[in-house]
């Protein structure tokens, strides 16, 4: 966006040497912005899949004795609990058995 504005200024508004300066400076700003954007996007690796849920806190949706349902990051999952827990209790995901989360009380 800055580069396009600089080119328009260079063509229609700025006198001869300043137009080239404006385009060069805008080009450098665009390169710096793109480099910063690429660096920012590659800071962390994407965490995907059910394995990324291990260690996450969860909220019990339906009574878990020993099977129930929990909400993790806004998604509902089937869960197997080590101890009986009631709805709205806080638990932590300790493992995975297929697509069933293994959870325990979050003390």
PDB file of N, CA and C in Angstrom:
ATOM      1  N   UNK A   1       0.821  -1.185   0.000  1.00  0.00           N
ATOM      2  CA  UNK A   1       0.000   0.000   0.000  1.00  0.00           C
ATOM      3  C   UNK A   1       0.870   1.256   0.000  1.00  0.00           C
ATOM      4  N   UNK A   2       1.901   1.250   0.840  1.00  0.00           N
ATOM      5  CA  UNK A   2       2.796   2.410   0.907  1.00  0.00           C
ATOM      6  C   UNK A   2       3.536   2.580  -0.418  1.00  0.00           C
ATOM      7  N   UNK A   3       3.947   1.462  -1.006  1.00  0.00           N
ATOM      8  CA  UNK A   3       4.685   1.517  -2.268  1.00  0.00           C
ATOM      9  C   UNK A   3       3.818   2.098  -3.379  1.00  0.00           C
ATOM     10  N   UNK A   4       2.559   1.684  -3.442  1.00  0.00           N
ATOM     11  CA  UNK A   4       1.642   2.194  -4.470  1.00  0.00           C
ATOM     12  C   UNK A   4       1.437   3.693  -4.285  1.00  0.00           C
ATOM     13  N   UNK A   5       1.270   4.130  -3.063  1.00  0.00           N
ATOM     14  CA  UNK A   5       1.112   5.555  -2.788  1.00  0.00           C
ATOM     15  C   UNK A   5       2.365   6.326  -3.209  1.00  0.00           C
ATOM     16  N   UNK A   6       3.540   5.786  -2.938  1.00  0.00           N
ATOM     17  CA  UNK A   6       4.786   6.452  -3.323  1.00  0.00           C
ATOM     18  C   UNK A   6       4.923   6.561  -4.831  1.00  0.00           C
ATOM     19  N   UNK A   7       4.523   5.528  -5.557  1.00  0.00           N
ATOM     20  CA  UNK A   7       4.597   5.580  -7.021  1.00  0.00           C
ATOM     21  C   UNK A   7       3.645   6.642  -7.561  1.00  0.00           C
ATOM     22  N   UNK A   8       2.440   6.705  -7.006  1.00  0.00           N
ATOM     23  CA  UNK A   8       1.476   7.715  -7.458  1.00  0.00           C
ATOM     24  C   UNK A   8       2.014   9.116  -7.172  1.00  0.00           C
ATOM     25  N   UNK A   9       2.579   9.322  -5.976  1.00  0.00           N
ATOM     26  CA  UNK A   9       3.186  10.620  -5.661  1.00  0.00           C
ATOM     27  C   UNK A   9       4.338  10.942  -6.598  1.00  0.00           C
ATOM     28  N   UNK A  10       5.162   9.934  -6.893  1.00  0.00           N
ATOM     29  CA  UNK A  10       6.326  10.153  -7.767  1.00  0.00           C
ATOM     30  C   UNK A  10       5.889  10.552  -9.171  1.00  0.00           C
ATOM     31  N   UNK A  11       4.799   9.996  -9.656  1.00  0.00           N
ATOM     32  CA  UNK A  11       4.357  10.288 -11.024  1.00  0.00           C
ATOM     33  C   UNK A  11       3.655  11.638 -11.103  1.00  0.00           C
ATOM     34  N   UNK A  12       2.774  11.912 -10.143  1.00  0.00           N
ATOM     35  CA  UNK A  12       1.891  13.068 -10.289  1.00  0.00           C
ATOM     36  C   UNK A  12       2.248  14.285  -9.429  1.00  0.00           C
ATOM     37  N   UNK A  13       2.965  14.131  -8.327  1.00  0.00           N
ATOM     38  CA  UNK A  13       3.112  15.239  -7.390  1.00  0.00           C
ATOM     39  C   UNK A  13       4.553  15.694  -7.213  1.00  0.00           C
ATOM     40  N   UNK A  14       5.458  14.784  -6.937  1.00  0.00           N
ATOM     41  CA  UNK A  14       6.814  15.153  -6.535  1.00  0.00           C
ATOM     42  C   UNK A  14       7.683  15.546  -7.730  1.00  0.00           C
ATOM     43  N   UNK A  15       8.603  16.497  -7.506  1.00  0.00           N
ATOM     44  CA  UNK A  15       9.544  16.854  -8.578  1.00  0.00           C
ATOM     45  C   UNK A  15      10.551  15.727  -8.820  1.00  0.00           C
ATOM     46  N   UNK A  16      11.300  15.838  -9.875  1.00  0.00           N
ATOM     47  CA  UNK A  16      12.146  14.784 -10.419  1.00  0.00           C
ATOM     48  C   UNK A  16      12.991  13.996  -9.414  1.00  0.00           C
ATOM     49  N   UNK A  17      13.916  14.519  -8.674  1.00  0.00           N
ATOM     50  CA  UNK A  17      14.727  13.614  -7.845  1.00  0.00           C
ATOM     51  C   UNK A  17      13.966  13.053  -6.651  1.00  0.00           C
ATOM     52  N   UNK A  18      12.976  13.778  -6.133  1.00  0.00           N
ATOM     53  CA  UNK A  18      12.266  13.335  -4.935  1.00  0.00           C
ATOM     54  C   UNK A  18      11.309  12.182  -5.214  1.00  0.00           C
ATOM     55  N   UNK A  19      10.863  12.066  -6.428  1.00  0.00           N
ATOM     56  CA  UNK A  19       9.997  10.944  -6.793  1.00  0.00           C
ATOM     57  C   UNK A  19      10.729   9.611  -6.668  1.00  0.00           C
ATOM     58  N   UNK A  20      11.973   9.569  -7.151  1.00  0.00           N
ATOM     59  CA  UNK A  20      12.771   8.354  -7.035  1.00  0.00           C
ATOM     60  C   UNK A  20      13.100   8.034  -5.584  1.00  0.00           C
ATOM     61  N   UNK A  21      13.358   9.078  -4.796  1.00  0.00           N
ATOM     62  CA  UNK A  21      13.644   8.876  -3.374  1.00  0.00           C
ATOM     63  C   UNK A  21      12.414   8.289  -2.682  1.00  0.00           C
ATOM     64  N   UNK A  22      11.241   8.819  -2.976  1.00  0.00           N
ATOM     65  CA  UNK A  22      10.008   8.330  -2.348  1.00  0.00           C
ATOM     66  C   UNK A  22       9.760   6.871  -2.713  1.00  0.00           C
ATOM     67  N   UNK A  23       9.987   6.497  -3.963  1.00  0.00           N
ATOM     68  CA  UNK A  23       9.787   5.109  -4.396  1.00  0.00           C
ATOM     69  C   UNK A  23      10.804   4.191  -3.716  1.00  0.00           C
ATOM     70  N   UNK A  24      12.057   4.622  -3.599  1.00  0.00           N
ATOM     71  CA  UNK A  24      13.081   3.796  -2.962  1.00  0.00           C
ATOM     72  C   UNK A  24      12.783   3.592  -1.483  1.00  0.00           C
ATOM     73  N   UNK A  25      12.414   4.665  -0.796  1.00  0.00           N
ATOM     74  CA  UNK A  25      12.103   4.550   0.632  1.00  0.00           C
ATOM     75  C   UNK A  25      10.880   3.658   0.840  1.00  0.00           C
ATOM     76  N   UNK A  26       9.863   3.830   0.022  1.00  0.00           N
ATOM     77  CA  UNK A  26       8.667   3.000   0.145  1.00  0.00           C
ATOM     78  C   UNK A  26       8.989   1.532  -0.138  1.00  0.00           C
ATOM     79  N   UNK A  27       9.871   1.285  -1.094  1.00  0.00           N
ATOM     80  CA  UNK A  27      10.286  -0.094  -1.375  1.00  0.00           C
ATOM     81  C   UNK A  27      10.988  -0.725  -0.185  1.00  0.00           C
ATOM     82  N   UNK A  28      11.870   0.033   0.463  1.00  0.00           N
ATOM     83  CA  UNK A  28      12.556  -0.469   1.658  1.00  0.00           C
ATOM     84  C   UNK A  28      11.574  -0.735   2.797  1.00  0.00           C
ATOM     85  N   UNK A  29      10.589   0.132   2.970  1.00  0.00           N
ATOM     86  CA  UNK A  29       9.577  -0.084   4.007  1.00  0.00           C
ATOM     87  C   UNK A  29       8.783  -1.351   3.720  1.00  0.00           C
ATOM     88  N   UNK A  30       8.412  -1.558   2.469  1.00  0.00           N
ATOM     89  CA  UNK A  30       7.661  -2.765   2.092  1.00  0.00           C
ATOM     90  C   UNK A  30       8.485  -4.034   2.350  1.00  0.00           C
ATOM     91  N   UNK A  31       9.771  -3.994   2.018  1.00  0.00           N
ATOM     92  CA  UNK A  31      10.634  -5.152   2.256  1.00  0.00           C
ATOM     93  C   UNK A  31      10.754  -5.427   3.755  1.00  0.00           C
ATOM     94  N   UNK A  32      10.932  -4.382   4.557  1.00  0.00           N
ATOM     95  CA  UNK A  32      11.021  -4.555   6.013  1.00  0.00           C
ATOM     96  C   UNK A  32       9.711  -5.108   6.572  1.00  0.00           C
ATOM     97  N   UNK A  33       8.593  -4.607   6.089  1.00  0.00           N
ATOM     98  CA  UNK A  33       7.295  -5.075   6.571  1.00  0.00           C
ATOM     99  C   UNK A  33       7.091  -6.549   6.204  1.00  0.00           C
ATOM    100  N   UNK A  34       7.448  -6.942   4.991  1.00  0.00           N
ATOM    101  CA  UNK A  34       7.288  -8.333   4.565  1.00  0.00           C
ATOM    102  C   UNK A  34       8.205  -9.260   5.361  1.00  0.00           C
ATOM    103  N   UNK A  35       9.440  -8.833   5.590  1.00  0.00           N
ATOM    104  CA  UNK A  35      10.366  -9.634   6.387  1.00  0.00           C
ATOM    105  C   UNK A  35       9.841  -9.804   7.812  1.00  0.00           C
ATOM    106  N   UNK A  36       9.344  -8.728   8.407  1.00  0.00           N
ATOM    107  CA  UNK A  36       8.769  -8.810   9.748  1.00  0.00           C
ATOM    108  C   UNK A  36       7.550  -9.708   9.797  1.00  0.00           C
ATOM    109  N   UNK A  37       6.714  -9.652   8.784  1.00  0.00           N
ATOM    110  CA  UNK A  37       5.517 -10.501   8.743  1.00  0.00           C
ATOM    111  C   UNK A  37       5.885 -11.978   8.642  1.00  0.00           C
ATOM    112  N   UNK A  38       6.857 -12.294   7.820  1.00  0.00           N
ATOM    113  CA  UNK A  38       7.296 -13.691   7.686  1.00  0.00           C
ATOM    114  C   UNK A  38       7.903 -14.176   8.999  1.00  0.00           C
ATOM    115  N   UNK A  39       8.741 -13.368   9.623  1.00  0.00           N
ATOM    116  CA  UNK A  39       9.332 -13.748  10.909  1.00  0.00           C
ATOM    117  C   UNK A  39       8.252 -13.959  11.951  1.00  0.00           C
ATOM    118  N   UNK A  40       7.276 -13.059  12.026  1.00  0.00           N
ATOM    119  CA  UNK A  40       6.205 -13.141  13.021  1.00  0.00           C
ATOM    120  C   UNK A  40       5.381 -14.414  12.836  1.00  0.00           C
ATOM    121  N   UNK A  41       5.104 -14.792  11.603  1.00  0.00           N
ATOM    122  CA  UNK A  41       4.263 -15.965  11.346  1.00  0.00           C
ATOM    123  C   UNK A  41       4.992 -17.280  11.610  1.00  0.00           C
ATOM    124  N   UNK A  42       6.313 -17.274  11.650  1.00  0.00           N
ATOM    125  CA  UNK A  42       7.070 -18.507  11.845  1.00  0.00           C
ATOM    126  C   UNK A  42       7.664 -18.634  13.241  1.00  0.00           C
ATOM    127  N   UNK A  43       7.181 -17.835  14.182  1.00  0.00           N
ATOM    128  CA  UNK A  43       7.704 -17.894  15.545  1.00  0.00           C
ATOM    129  C   UNK A  43       7.423 -19.224  16.209  1.00  0.00           C
ATOM    130  N   UNK A  44       6.211 -19.738  16.041  1.00  0.00           N
ATOM    131  CA  UNK A  44       5.811 -20.987  16.689  1.00  0.00           C
ATOM    132  C   UNK A  44       5.322 -21.964  15.639  1.00  0.00           C
ATOM    133  N   UNK A  45       5.470 -23.229  15.941  1.00  0.00           N
ATOM    134  CA  UNK A  45       4.933 -24.244  15.053  1.00  0.00           C
ATOM    135  C   UNK A  45       3.450 -24.405  15.358  1.00  0.00           C
ATOM    136  N   UNK A  46       2.687 -24.714  14.342  1.00  0.00           N
ATOM    137  CA  UNK A  46       1.253 -24.910  14.534  1.00  0.00           C
ATOM    138  C   UNK A  46       1.004 -26.160  15.376  1.00  0.00           C
ATOM    139  N   UNK A  47       0.078 -26.037  16.305  1.00  0.00           N
ATOM    140  CA  UNK A  47      -0.303 -27.179  17.122  1.00  0.00           C
ATOM    141  C   UNK A  47      -1.667 -27.646  16.643  1.00  0.00           C
ATOM    142  N   UNK A  48      -1.689 -28.818  16.061  1.00  0.00           N
ATOM    143  CA  UNK A  48      -2.933 -29.352  15.517  1.00  0.00           C
ATOM    144  C   UNK A  48      -3.117 -30.781  15.975  1.00  0.00           C
ATOM    145  N   UNK A  49      -4.354 -31.254  15.878  1.00  0.00           N
ATOM    146  CA  UNK A  49      -4.655 -32.630  16.228  1.00  0.00           C
ATOM    147  C   UNK A  49      -4.971 -32.792  17.694  1.00  0.00           C
ATOM    148  N   UNK A  50      -5.506 -33.943  18.001  1.00  0.00           N
ATOM    149  CA  UNK A  50      -5.919 -34.232  19.374  1.00  0.00           C
ATOM    150  C   UNK A  50      -4.721 -34.295  20.321  1.00  0.00           C
ATOM    151  N   UNK A  51      -3.543 -34.654  19.825  1.00  0.00           N
ATOM    152  CA  UNK A  51      -2.364 -34.759  20.680  1.00  0.00           C
ATOM    153  C   UNK A  51      -1.988 -33.409  21.285  1.00  0.00           C
ATOM    154  N   UNK A  52      -2.351 -32.320  20.618  1.00  0.00           N
ATOM    155  CA  UNK A  52      -2.027 -30.985  21.117  1.00  0.00           C
ATOM    156  C   UNK A  52      -2.887 -30.615  22.327  1.00  0.00           C
ATOM    157  N   UNK A  53      -3.903 -31.407  22.626  1.00  0.00           N
ATOM    158  CA  UNK A  53      -4.792 -31.101  23.751  1.00  0.00           C
ATOM    159  C   UNK A  53      -4.244 -31.586  25.088  1.00  0.00           C
ATOM    160  N   UNK A  54      -3.254 -32.477  25.075  1.00  0.00           N
ATOM    161  CA  UNK A  54      -2.705 -33.005  26.325  1.00  0.00           C
ATOM    162  C   UNK A  54      -2.100 -31.857  27.128  1.00  0.00           C
ATOM    163  N   UNK A  55      -2.532 -31.758  28.388  1.00  0.00           N
ATOM    164  CA  UNK A  55      -2.071 -30.697  29.268  1.00  0.00           C
ATOM    165  C   UNK A  55      -2.998 -29.490  29.305  1.00  0.00           C
ATOM    166  N   UNK A  56      -3.984 -29.444  28.429  1.00  0.00           N
ATOM    167  CA  UNK A  56      -4.905 -28.315  28.376  1.00  0.00           C
ATOM    168  C   UNK A  56      -5.987 -28.419  29.453  1.00  0.00           C
ATOM    169  N   UNK A  57      -6.442 -27.296  29.985  1.00  0.00           N
ATOM    170  CA  UNK A  57      -7.568 -27.329  30.927  1.00  0.00           C
ATOM    171  C   UNK A  57      -8.866 -27.575  30.174  1.00  0.00           C
ATOM    172  N   UNK A  58      -9.833 -28.170  30.870  1.00  0.00           N
ATOM    173  CA  UNK A  58     -11.129 -28.465  30.260  1.00  0.00           C
ATOM    174  C   UNK A  58     -12.224 -28.245  31.299  1.00  0.00           C
ATOM    175  N   UNK A  59     -13.454 -28.097  30.807  1.00  0.00           N
ATOM    176  CA  UNK A  59     -14.612 -27.950  31.677  1.00  0.00           C
ATOM    177  C   UNK A  59     -15.541 -29.118  31.410  1.00  0.00           C
ATOM    178  N   UNK A  60     -16.015 -29.759  32.472  1.00  0.00           N
ATOM    179  CA  UNK A  60     -16.901 -30.908  32.338  1.00  0.00           C
ATOM    180  C   UNK A  60     -18.280 -30.404  31.921  1.00  0.00           C
ATOM    181  N   UNK A  61     -18.828 -31.011  30.854  1.00  0.00           N
ATOM    182  CA  UNK A  61     -20.147 -30.628  30.348  1.00  0.00           C
ATOM    183  C   UNK A  61     -21.211 -31.575  30.877  1.00  0.00           C
ATOM    184  N   UNK A  62     -20.932 -32.888  30.791  1.00  0.00           N
ATOM    185  CA  UNK A  62     -21.862 -33.866  31.359  1.00  0.00           C
ATOM    186  C   UNK A  62     -21.091 -34.748  32.340  1.00  0.00           C
ATOM    187  N   UNK A  63     -21.791 -35.189  33.386  1.00  0.00           N
ATOM    188  CA  UNK A  63     -21.163 -35.943  34.479  1.00  0.00           C
ATOM    189  C   UNK A  63     -20.228 -37.018  33.921  1.00  0.00           C
ATOM    190  N   UNK A  64     -19.075 -37.104  34.499  1.00  0.00           N
ATOM    191  CA  UNK A  64     -18.038 -38.017  34.036  1.00  0.00           C
ATOM    192  C   UNK A  64     -17.792 -39.059  35.115  1.00  0.00           C
ATOM    193  N   UNK A  65     -18.405 -40.256  34.932  1.00  0.00           N
ATOM    194  CA  UNK A  65     -18.277 -41.297  35.952  1.00  0.00           C
ATOM    195  C   UNK A  65     -18.340 -42.677  35.315  1.00  0.00           C
ATOM    196  N   UNK A  66     -17.392 -43.226  34.739  1.00  0.00           N
ATOM    197  CA  UNK A  66     -16.106 -42.675  34.321  1.00  0.00           C
ATOM    198  C   UNK A  66     -16.151 -42.044  32.935  1.00  0.00           C
ATOM    199  N   UNK A  67     -17.268 -42.212  32.181  1.00  0.00           N
ATOM    200  CA  UNK A  67     -17.348 -41.602  30.851  1.00  0.00           C
ATOM    201  C   UNK A  67     -18.238 -40.368  30.901  1.00  0.00           C
ATOM    202  N   UNK A  68     -17.869 -39.355  30.135  1.00  0.00           N
ATOM    203  CA  UNK A  68     -18.658 -38.134  30.080  1.00  0.00           C
ATOM    204  C   UNK A  68     -18.205 -37.270  28.919  1.00  0.00           C
ATOM    205  N   UNK A  69     -18.545 -35.992  28.993  1.00  0.00           N
ATOM    206  CA  UNK A  69     -18.198 -35.051  27.938  1.00  0.00           C
ATOM    207  C   UNK A  69     -17.526 -33.835  28.568  1.00  0.00           C
ATOM    208  N   UNK A  70     -16.466 -33.364  27.898  1.00  0.00           N
ATOM    209  CA  UNK A  70     -15.767 -32.161  28.361  1.00  0.00           C
ATOM    210  C   UNK A  70     -15.651 -31.169  27.211  1.00  0.00           C
ATOM    211  N   UNK A  71     -15.447 -29.915  27.573  1.00  0.00           N
ATOM    212  CA  UNK A  71     -15.235 -28.859  26.587  1.00  0.00           C
ATOM    213  C   UNK A  71     -13.793 -28.381  26.704  1.00  0.00           C
ATOM    214  N   UNK A  72     -13.063 -28.474  25.591  1.00  0.00           N
ATOM    215  CA  UNK A  72     -11.675 -28.016  25.530  1.00  0.00           C
ATOM    216  C   UNK A  72     -11.572 -27.031  24.379  1.00  0.00           C
ATOM    217  N   UNK A  73     -11.155 -25.801  24.677  1.00  0.00           N
ATOM    218  CA  UNK A  73     -11.024 -24.757  23.656  1.00  0.00           C
ATOM    219  C   UNK A  73     -12.314 -24.592  22.855  1.00  0.00           C
ATOM    220  N   UNK A  74     -13.454 -24.743  23.509  1.00  0.00           N
ATOM    221  CA  UNK A  74     -14.737 -24.547  22.848  1.00  0.00           C
ATOM    222  C   UNK A  74     -15.250 -25.749  22.077  1.00  0.00           C
ATOM    223  N   UNK A  75     -14.529 -26.859  22.086  1.00  0.00           N
ATOM    224  CA  UNK A  75     -14.959 -28.074  21.386  1.00  0.00           C
ATOM    225  C   UNK A  75     -15.372 -29.127  22.397  1.00  0.00           C
ATOM    226  N   UNK A  76     -16.405 -29.890  22.059  1.00  0.00           N
ATOM    227  CA  UNK A  76     -16.860 -30.965  22.934  1.00  0.00           C
ATOM    228  C   UNK A  76     -16.141 -32.253  22.584  1.00  0.00           C
ATOM    229  N   UNK A  77     -15.664 -32.959  23.620  1.00  0.00           N
ATOM    230  CA  UNK A  77     -14.946 -34.215  23.445  1.00  0.00           C
ATOM    231  C   UNK A  77     -15.507 -35.249  24.410  1.00  0.00           C
ATOM    232  N   UNK A  78     -15.506 -36.512  23.979  1.00  0.00           N
ATOM    233  CA  UNK A  78     -15.795 -37.599  24.905  1.00  0.00           C
ATOM    234  C   UNK A  78     -14.598 -37.734  25.831  1.00  0.00           C
ATOM    235  N   UNK A  79     -14.880 -38.060  27.097  1.00  0.00           N
ATOM    236  CA  UNK A  79     -13.792 -38.125  28.066  1.00  0.00           C
ATOM    237  C   UNK A  79     -13.976 -39.306  28.995  1.00  0.00           C
ATOM    238  N   UNK A  80     -12.842 -39.814  29.472  1.00  0.00           N
ATOM    239  CA  UNK A  80     -12.817 -40.840  30.515  1.00  0.00           C
ATOM    240  C   UNK A  80     -12.084 -40.216  31.700  1.00  0.00           C
ATOM    241  N   UNK A  81     -12.765 -40.223  32.851  1.00  0.00           N
ATOM    242  CA  UNK A  81     -12.235 -39.554  34.033  1.00  0.00           C
ATOM    243  C   UNK A  81     -11.659 -40.576  35.013  1.00  0.00           C
ATOM    244  N   UNK A  82     -10.568 -40.208  35.651  1.00  0.00           N
ATOM    245  CA  UNK A  82      -9.967 -41.066  36.674  1.00  0.00           C
ATOM    246  C   UNK A  82     -10.825 -41.068  37.934  1.00  0.00           C
ATOM    247  N   UNK A  83     -11.477 -39.935  38.233  1.00  0.00           N
ATOM    248  CA  UNK A  83     -12.360 -39.801  39.394  1.00  0.00           C
ATOM    249  C   UNK A  83     -13.678 -39.219  38.906  1.00  0.00           C
ATOM    250  N   UNK A  84     -14.759 -39.486  39.625  1.00  0.00           N
ATOM    251  CA  UNK A  84     -16.047 -38.911  39.250  1.00  0.00           C
ATOM    252  C   UNK A  84     -15.994 -37.394  39.382  1.00  0.00           C
ATOM    253  N   UNK A  85     -16.468 -36.705  38.346  1.00  0.00           N
ATOM    254  CA  UNK A  85     -16.535 -35.241  38.379  1.00  0.00           C
ATOM    255  C   UNK A  85     -17.904 -34.798  37.873  1.00  0.00           C
ATOM    256  N   UNK A  86     -18.348 -33.671  38.387  1.00  0.00           N
ATOM    257  CA  UNK A  86     -19.666 -33.136  38.070  1.00  0.00           C
ATOM    258  C   UNK A  86     -19.562 -32.053  36.991  1.00  0.00           C
ATOM    259  N   UNK A  87     -20.687 -31.722  36.346  1.00  0.00           N
ATOM    260  CA  UNK A  87     -20.683 -30.643  35.339  1.00  0.00           C
ATOM    261  C   UNK A  87     -20.138 -29.334  35.917  1.00  0.00           C
ATOM    262  N   UNK A  88     -19.437 -28.593  35.081  1.00  0.00           N
ATOM    263  CA  UNK A  88     -18.786 -27.309  35.374  1.00  0.00           C
ATOM    264  C   UNK A  88     -17.535 -27.427  36.235  1.00  0.00           C
ATOM    265  N   UNK A  89     -17.137 -28.645  36.622  1.00  0.00           N
ATOM    266  CA  UNK A  89     -15.867 -28.817  37.313  1.00  0.00           C
ATOM    267  C   UNK A  89     -14.726 -28.629  36.313  1.00  0.00           C
ATOM    268  N   UNK A  90     -13.592 -28.198  36.821  1.00  0.00           N
ATOM    269  CA  UNK A  90     -12.400 -28.025  35.985  1.00  0.00           C
ATOM    270  C   UNK A  90     -11.557 -29.295  36.035  1.00  0.00           C
ATOM    271  N   UNK A  91     -11.115 -29.739  34.871  1.00  0.00           N
ATOM    272  CA  UNK A  91     -10.243 -30.908  34.765  1.00  0.00           C
ATOM    273  C   UNK A  91      -9.096 -30.553  33.825  1.00  0.00           C
ATOM    274  N   UNK A  92      -8.113 -31.450  33.748  1.00  0.00           N
ATOM    275  CA  UNK A  92      -6.980 -31.264  32.839  1.00  0.00           C
ATOM    276  C   UNK A  92      -6.818 -32.533  32.017  1.00  0.00           C
ATOM    277  N   UNK A  93      -6.546 -32.354  30.735  1.00  0.00           N
ATOM    278  CA  UNK A  93      -6.350 -33.491  29.834  1.00  0.00           C
ATOM    279  C   UNK A  93      -4.995 -34.111  30.134  1.00  0.00           C
ATOM    280  N   UNK A  94      -5.000 -35.420  30.462  1.00  0.00           N
ATOM    281  CA  UNK A  94      -3.753 -36.103  30.808  1.00  0.00           C
ATOM    282  C   UNK A  94      -3.291 -37.064  29.724  1.00  0.00           C
ATOM    283  N   UNK A  95      -4.183 -37.401  28.810  1.00  0.00           N
ATOM    284  CA  UNK A  95      -3.799 -38.342  27.765  1.00  0.00           C
ATOM    285  C   UNK A  95      -4.900 -38.496  26.737  1.00  0.00           C
ATOM    286  N   UNK A  96      -4.719 -39.491  25.891  1.00  0.00           N
ATOM    287  CA  UNK A  96      -5.605 -39.700  24.760  1.00  0.00           C
ATOM    288  C   UNK A  96      -5.750 -41.189  24.526  1.00  0.00           C
ATOM    289  N   UNK A  97      -6.979 -41.647  24.303  1.00  0.00           N
ATOM    290  CA  UNK A  97      -7.245 -43.043  23.948  1.00  0.00           C
ATOM    291  C   UNK A  97      -8.137 -43.016  22.720  1.00  0.00           C
ATOM    292  N   UNK A  98      -7.521 -43.089  21.541  1.00  0.00           N
ATOM    293  CA  UNK A  98      -8.284 -42.903  20.305  1.00  0.00           C
ATOM    294  C   UNK A  98      -8.723 -41.456  20.236  1.00  0.00           C
ATOM    295  N   UNK A  99     -10.044 -41.231  20.164  1.00  0.00           N
ATOM    296  CA  UNK A  99     -10.572 -39.872  20.199  1.00  0.00           C
ATOM    297  C   UNK A  99     -11.278 -39.570  21.510  1.00  0.00           C
ATOM    298  N   UNK A 100     -10.956 -40.337  22.531  1.00  0.00           N
ATOM    299  CA  UNK A 100     -11.470 -40.096  23.876  1.00  0.00           C
ATOM    300  C   UNK A 100     -10.354 -39.496  24.721  1.00  0.00           C
ATOM    301  N   UNK A 101     -10.646 -38.366  25.343  1.00  0.00           N
ATOM    302  CA  UNK A 101      -9.641 -37.717  26.173  1.00  0.00           C
ATOM    303  C   UNK A 101      -9.631 -38.338  27.564  1.00  0.00           C
ATOM    304  N   UNK A 102      -8.448 -38.529  28.104  1.00  0.00           N
ATOM    305  CA  UNK A 102      -8.296 -38.994  29.491  1.00  0.00           C
ATOM    306  C   UNK A 102      -8.074 -37.747  30.336  1.00  0.00           C
ATOM    307  N   UNK A 103      -8.941 -37.535  31.322  1.00  0.00           N
ATOM    308  CA  UNK A 103      -8.869 -36.321  32.122  1.00  0.00           C
ATOM    309  C   UNK A 103      -8.819 -36.648  33.607  1.00  0.00           C
ATOM    310  N   UNK A 104      -8.314 -35.713  34.386  1.00  0.00           N
ATOM    311  CA  UNK A 104      -8.260 -35.839  35.832  1.00  0.00           C
ATOM    312  C   UNK A 104      -8.535 -34.466  36.421  1.00  0.00           C
ATOM    313  N   UNK A 105      -8.936 -34.448  37.677  1.00  0.00           N
ATOM    314  CA  UNK A 105      -9.245 -33.177  38.344  1.00  0.00           C
ATOM    315  C   UNK A 105      -8.071 -32.207  38.230  1.00  0.00           C
ATOM    316  N   UNK A 106      -8.401 -30.950  38.043  1.00  0.00           N
ATOM    317  CA  UNK A 106      -7.391 -29.901  37.967  1.00  0.00           C
ATOM    318  C   UNK A 106      -7.277 -29.264  39.337  1.00  0.00           C
ATOM    319  N   UNK A 107      -6.291 -29.704  40.127  1.00  0.00           N
ATOM    320  CA  UNK A 107      -6.158 -29.231  41.514  1.00  0.00           C
ATOM    321  C   UNK A 107      -5.420 -27.944  41.602  1.00  0.00           C
TER     322      UNK A 107
END
